[in-house]
Protein backbone atom coordinates (compact mmCIF):
# COMPACT_ATOMS: atom_id res chain seq x y z
CA MET A 1 0.00 0.00 0.00
CA MET A 2 1.26 3.46 -0.91
CA THR A 3 1.79 6.34 1.49
CA LEU A 4 0.71 9.92 0.78
CA LYS A 5 3.28 12.42 2.06
CA VAL A 6 3.26 16.20 2.01
CA GLN A 7 6.77 17.55 2.58
CA GLY A 8 7.61 21.19 3.29
CA LEU A 9 4.57 22.52 1.41
CA THR A 10 4.30 26.26 1.01
CA THR A 11 1.58 27.68 -1.23
CA GLY A 12 -1.19 30.25 -1.45
CA TYR A 13 -3.02 32.64 -3.74
CA ASP A 14 -1.65 35.66 -5.60
CA LYS A 15 1.21 37.00 -3.47
CA VAL A 16 -0.04 35.66 -0.14
CA ASN A 17 1.11 32.31 1.23
CA VAL A 18 -1.60 30.38 3.09
CA LEU A 19 0.43 27.27 3.98
CA HIS A 20 3.94 27.53 5.41
CA ASP A 21 6.30 24.54 5.36
CA VAL A 22 3.52 22.02 6.03
CA SER A 23 4.50 18.34 6.32
CA ILE A 24 2.04 15.51 6.94
CA GLU A 25 1.98 11.78 6.30
CA VAL A 26 -1.17 9.76 5.57
CA ALA A 27 -0.36 6.21 6.65
CA PRO A 28 -1.85 3.43 4.49
CA GLY A 29 -4.86 1.69 6.01
CA LYS A 30 -5.35 4.35 8.69
CA ILE A 31 -7.54 7.40 9.32
CA THR A 32 -5.38 10.51 9.52
CA CYS A 33 -7.12 13.74 10.51
CA ILE A 34 -6.37 17.41 9.96
CA LEU A 35 -7.92 19.62 12.63
CA GLY A 36 -8.12 23.38 12.43
CA ALA A 37 -10.45 26.34 12.69
CA ASN A 38 -11.82 28.25 9.70
CA GLY A 39 -8.96 29.95 7.89
CA ALA A 40 -6.31 27.54 9.18
CA GLY A 41 -5.45 26.39 5.65
CA LYS A 42 -7.22 23.02 5.59
CA SER A 43 -9.00 23.58 2.26
CA THR A 44 -5.81 24.91 0.63
CA LEU A 45 -4.02 21.74 1.72
CA ILE A 46 -6.70 19.61 0.04
CA ARG A 47 -6.57 21.76 -3.11
CA SER A 48 -2.81 21.30 -3.26
CA ILE A 49 -3.02 17.51 -2.95
CA LEU A 50 -5.62 17.46 -5.75
CA GLY A 51 -3.53 19.68 -8.04
CA LEU A 52 -5.87 22.67 -7.86
CA THR A 53 -3.44 24.96 -5.98
CA PRO A 54 0.10 24.05 -7.04
CA PRO A 55 2.91 24.08 -4.46
CA ARG A 56 5.30 27.01 -4.43
CA GLN A 57 7.76 24.97 -2.42
CA GLY A 58 7.81 21.37 -1.23
CA ARG A 59 6.63 18.04 -2.55
CA ILE A 60 3.47 15.93 -2.52
CA LEU A 61 4.55 12.31 -2.77
CA TRP A 62 2.15 9.50 -3.67
CA GLY A 63 4.34 6.47 -3.28
CA GLU A 64 7.46 7.39 -5.26
CA ARG A 65 5.63 9.84 -7.51
CA ASP A 66 5.68 13.60 -6.93
CA LEU A 67 2.20 14.94 -7.67
CA ALA A 68 3.35 18.56 -7.93
CA GLY A 69 2.33 19.77 -11.39
CA ALA A 70 0.09 16.78 -12.14
CA LYS A 71 -3.40 17.39 -13.52
CA THR A 72 -6.35 16.81 -11.18
CA HIS A 73 -7.91 14.08 -13.33
CA ALA A 74 -4.59 12.19 -13.36
CA ILE A 75 -4.32 12.46 -9.57
CA ILE A 76 -7.84 11.06 -9.18
CA ALA A 77 -7.06 8.28 -11.66
CA SER A 78 -4.01 7.36 -9.54
CA GLY A 79 -6.30 6.46 -6.63
CA ILE A 80 -6.92 9.66 -4.65
CA SER A 81 -10.56 10.74 -4.36
CA CYS A 82 -12.27 13.57 -2.48
CA ILE A 83 -15.66 14.13 -0.87
CA PRO A 84 -15.93 17.92 -0.92
CA GLU A 85 -17.10 20.24 1.83
CA GLY A 86 -20.82 20.97 1.67
CA ARG A 87 -21.59 17.67 -0.11
CA LYS A 88 -22.11 19.30 -3.56
CA VAL A 89 -24.42 16.73 -5.11
CA PHE A 90 -25.76 17.28 -8.63
CA PRO A 91 -29.28 18.38 -7.65
CA ARG A 92 -31.03 17.71 -10.98
CA MET A 93 -29.61 14.23 -11.33
CA THR A 94 -30.95 11.14 -9.59
CA VAL A 95 -29.22 9.36 -6.74
CA ALA A 96 -28.15 6.59 -9.11
CA GLU A 97 -26.78 9.10 -11.65
CA ASN A 98 -24.83 10.92 -8.92
CA LEU A 99 -23.30 7.64 -7.76
CA ALA A 100 -22.38 6.62 -11.30
CA LEU A 101 -20.39 9.83 -11.74
CA GLY A 102 -18.13 8.74 -8.89
CA ALA A 103 -16.88 5.88 -11.06
CA PHE A 104 -16.65 7.72 -14.39
CA LEU A 105 -13.13 6.34 -14.98
CA GLU A 106 -14.21 2.69 -14.56
CA THR A 107 -15.32 0.80 -17.68
CA ASP A 108 -15.78 -2.70 -16.21
CA ALA A 109 -19.55 -3.18 -15.81
CA GLY A 110 -19.07 -6.01 -13.32
CA LEU A 111 -16.91 -3.86 -11.05
CA LEU A 112 -19.43 -1.03 -11.27
CA ARG A 113 -22.22 -3.36 -10.13
CA GLU A 114 -20.09 -4.59 -7.21
CA ARG A 115 -19.29 -1.05 -6.08
CA LEU A 116 -22.90 0.06 -6.37
CA ALA A 117 -24.03 -2.97 -4.34
CA ARG A 118 -21.50 -2.04 -1.64
CA VAL A 119 -22.79 1.55 -1.53
CA TYR A 120 -26.40 0.36 -1.29
CA GLU A 121 -25.43 -2.09 1.46
CA THR A 122 -23.84 0.79 3.40
CA PHE A 123 -26.73 3.17 2.68
CA PRO A 124 -29.97 1.17 2.17
CA ARG A 125 -31.89 4.46 1.95
CA LEU A 126 -30.06 5.32 -1.27
CA LYS A 127 -31.20 2.07 -2.87
CA GLU A 128 -34.79 2.89 -1.92
CA ARG A 129 -34.42 6.34 -3.49
CA ALA A 130 -32.20 5.53 -6.44
CA ASP A 131 -34.53 7.34 -8.88
CA GLN A 132 -35.10 10.41 -6.69
CA LEU A 133 -33.51 13.73 -7.67
CA ALA A 134 -30.63 14.38 -5.28
CA GLY A 135 -31.63 18.03 -4.88
CA THR A 136 -34.93 17.03 -3.27
CA MET A 137 -33.27 15.07 -0.46
CA SER A 138 -32.48 16.22 3.08
CA GLY A 139 -28.99 17.40 4.02
CA GLY A 140 -28.24 14.10 5.74
CA GLU A 141 -29.38 12.10 2.74
CA GLN A 142 -27.31 14.27 0.40
CA ALA A 143 -24.32 13.54 2.64
CA MET A 144 -24.95 9.83 2.05
CA VAL A 145 -25.00 10.44 -1.72
CA SER A 146 -21.74 12.36 -1.51
CA ILE A 147 -19.98 9.68 0.53
CA GLY A 148 -21.42 6.94 -1.69
CA ARG A 149 -20.16 8.76 -4.78
CA GLY A 150 -16.69 8.86 -3.25
CA MET A 151 -16.87 5.13 -2.51
CA MET A 152 -17.79 4.39 -6.15
CA ALA A 153 -14.27 5.36 -7.25
CA ALA A 154 -12.84 2.60 -4.99
CA PRO A 155 -10.03 5.00 -4.04
CA LYS A 156 -6.80 4.04 -2.31
CA VAL A 157 -7.01 7.32 -0.35
CA LEU A 158 -10.31 9.06 0.33
CA ILE A 159 -10.10 12.71 1.37
CA ILE A 160 -13.20 13.79 3.29
CA ASP A 161 -13.64 17.53 3.82
CA GLU A 162 -15.80 18.69 6.77
CA PRO A 163 -18.32 15.80 6.79
CA SER A 164 -20.16 17.26 9.81
CA LEU A 165 -20.80 20.65 8.21
CA GLY A 166 -24.45 21.67 8.43
CA LEU A 167 -25.71 18.30 9.66
CA SER A 168 -27.81 17.40 12.69
CA PRO A 169 -26.01 15.54 15.51
CA LEU A 170 -27.74 12.30 14.48
CA TYR A 171 -26.45 12.46 10.90
CA VAL A 172 -23.00 13.56 12.11
CA LYS A 173 -22.76 10.43 14.26
CA GLU A 174 -24.02 8.29 11.37
CA ASN A 175 -21.51 9.79 8.94
CA PHE A 176 -18.57 9.21 11.26
CA ASN A 177 -19.64 5.60 11.76
CA VAL A 178 -19.68 5.17 7.98
CA ILE A 179 -16.21 6.71 7.66
CA ARG A 180 -14.93 4.21 10.22
CA GLN A 181 -16.58 1.36 8.25
CA ILE A 182 -15.01 2.54 4.98
CA ASN A 183 -11.60 2.51 6.66
CA GLU A 184 -12.17 -0.93 8.18
CA LEU A 185 -12.90 -2.22 4.66
CA GLY A 186 -9.39 -1.16 3.64
CA THR A 187 -9.59 2.44 2.39
CA THR A 188 -7.05 4.94 3.72
CA VAL A 189 -8.80 8.13 4.89
CA LEU A 190 -7.62 11.72 5.22
CA LEU A 191 -10.32 13.39 7.32
CA VAL A 192 -10.34 17.19 7.42
CA GLU A 193 -12.60 18.56 10.16
CA GLN A 194 -13.34 21.14 12.86
CA ASN A 195 -15.31 18.68 15.02
CA ALA A 196 -12.37 17.47 17.10
CA ARG A 197 -14.21 15.19 19.51
CA GLN A 198 -15.94 13.05 16.86
CA THR A 199 -12.88 13.12 14.59
CA LEU A 200 -10.38 11.96 17.20
CA ALA A 201 -12.78 9.21 18.28
CA ILE A 202 -12.29 7.43 14.93
CA SER A 203 -8.80 8.62 13.84
CA HIS A 204 -5.47 6.91 14.33
CA TYR A 205 -3.20 9.94 13.91
CA GLY A 206 -3.71 13.65 13.45
CA TYR A 207 -2.29 17.08 12.79
CA VAL A 208 -3.50 20.47 14.01
CA LEU A 209 -3.22 23.38 11.57
CA SER A 210 -3.21 26.98 12.76
CA GLN A 211 -2.55 29.97 10.50
CA GLY A 212 -1.18 27.69 7.80
CA ARG A 213 1.30 25.81 9.97
CA VAL A 214 1.29 22.43 11.68
CA VAL A 215 1.37 23.31 15.39
CA THR A 216 0.71 19.90 16.93
CA ALA A 217 0.80 16.29 15.71
CA GLY A 218 0.40 12.90 17.33
CA THR A 219 -1.79 9.87 17.78
CA ALA A 220 -5.47 10.53 18.39
CA ALA A 221 -5.00 9.68 22.07
CA GLU A 222 -2.05 12.10 22.36
CA LEU A 223 -4.04 14.90 20.72
CA GLU A 224 -6.99 14.28 23.05
CA ARG A 225 -4.60 14.76 26.00
CA SER A 226 -2.83 17.76 24.47
CA ASP A 227 -3.35 21.00 26.40
CA ASP A 228 -3.29 22.97 23.12
CA VAL A 229 -6.02 20.82 21.58
CA ARG A 230 -8.07 20.77 24.78
CA SER A 231 -8.04 24.54 25.12
CA ALA A 232 -8.81 25.10 21.44
CA TYR A 233 -11.57 22.52 21.04
CA PHE A 234 -12.84 21.21 24.35
CA GLY A 235 -12.74 24.32 26.53
C-alpha cells in the first residue's frame, strides 16, 4: 500500500502564502485527521493535494511519484478521491446518476455493479431512493449520496472535507460511523474537520493546523490529552 506524504509545502493565492512549510503523512490503512479552525489552511491543503493549488515549495509524494504539477484528473485516476465540503451533489440528477459519476473512470460493468451494491449495502436508503432527484433530499441524505459517490471510485485514499458541516447531531454520528466502516474495509482516509471530539474518536493519527502551519501532531489519544487541543476545542 502506498503512502501519501506532504513535505515542506508552502503555497497560497496571488502574493499571499496560506500554507507555510507544512509536512504531513497519511499512513496506508489508517484514518489521519487534519484539525483546524476556519482559515487555518485546511482547504488549501486539500486543493494542493488534488492539483488545484500548485505548491510554491515542497513536494506531494504519492508512493514514489511527486504529484506537484500533475493534472487533477490524473491524480484522481491514480487512486486519490475527495468528498468535498458541503456535499455538492448534482441536484437535478438522480441518486443513481450521482453515484455513477463517482466511477466515471471505470469501464468494467461487473466492477461497477459490485461497487454500487457495496454503496447500497452501506446506505440502504439510497437504494430505496435511487430514482429520486438528489436536490430534493435532506442534508443528511445528500451527505450519504456524496460519501457513496466517493466510494464508487474505490479510491486508495479518500479525502473527506468537513463531513459534519451543516448536519444534525444524528447524521454527524451516522456519517462518522460510515467513515470508520469505509476505513475498516481497507480504504485509507484523510479526514479534514473542525469537530475534534468526533474526529479523534475514529482517527489513528492527526495534525493540528493553525494559520497555515502544523502546530501539533500525534496519535489521536495524544491529541486528546494535548493542552493545546483541549483549550482550542474542548474548553
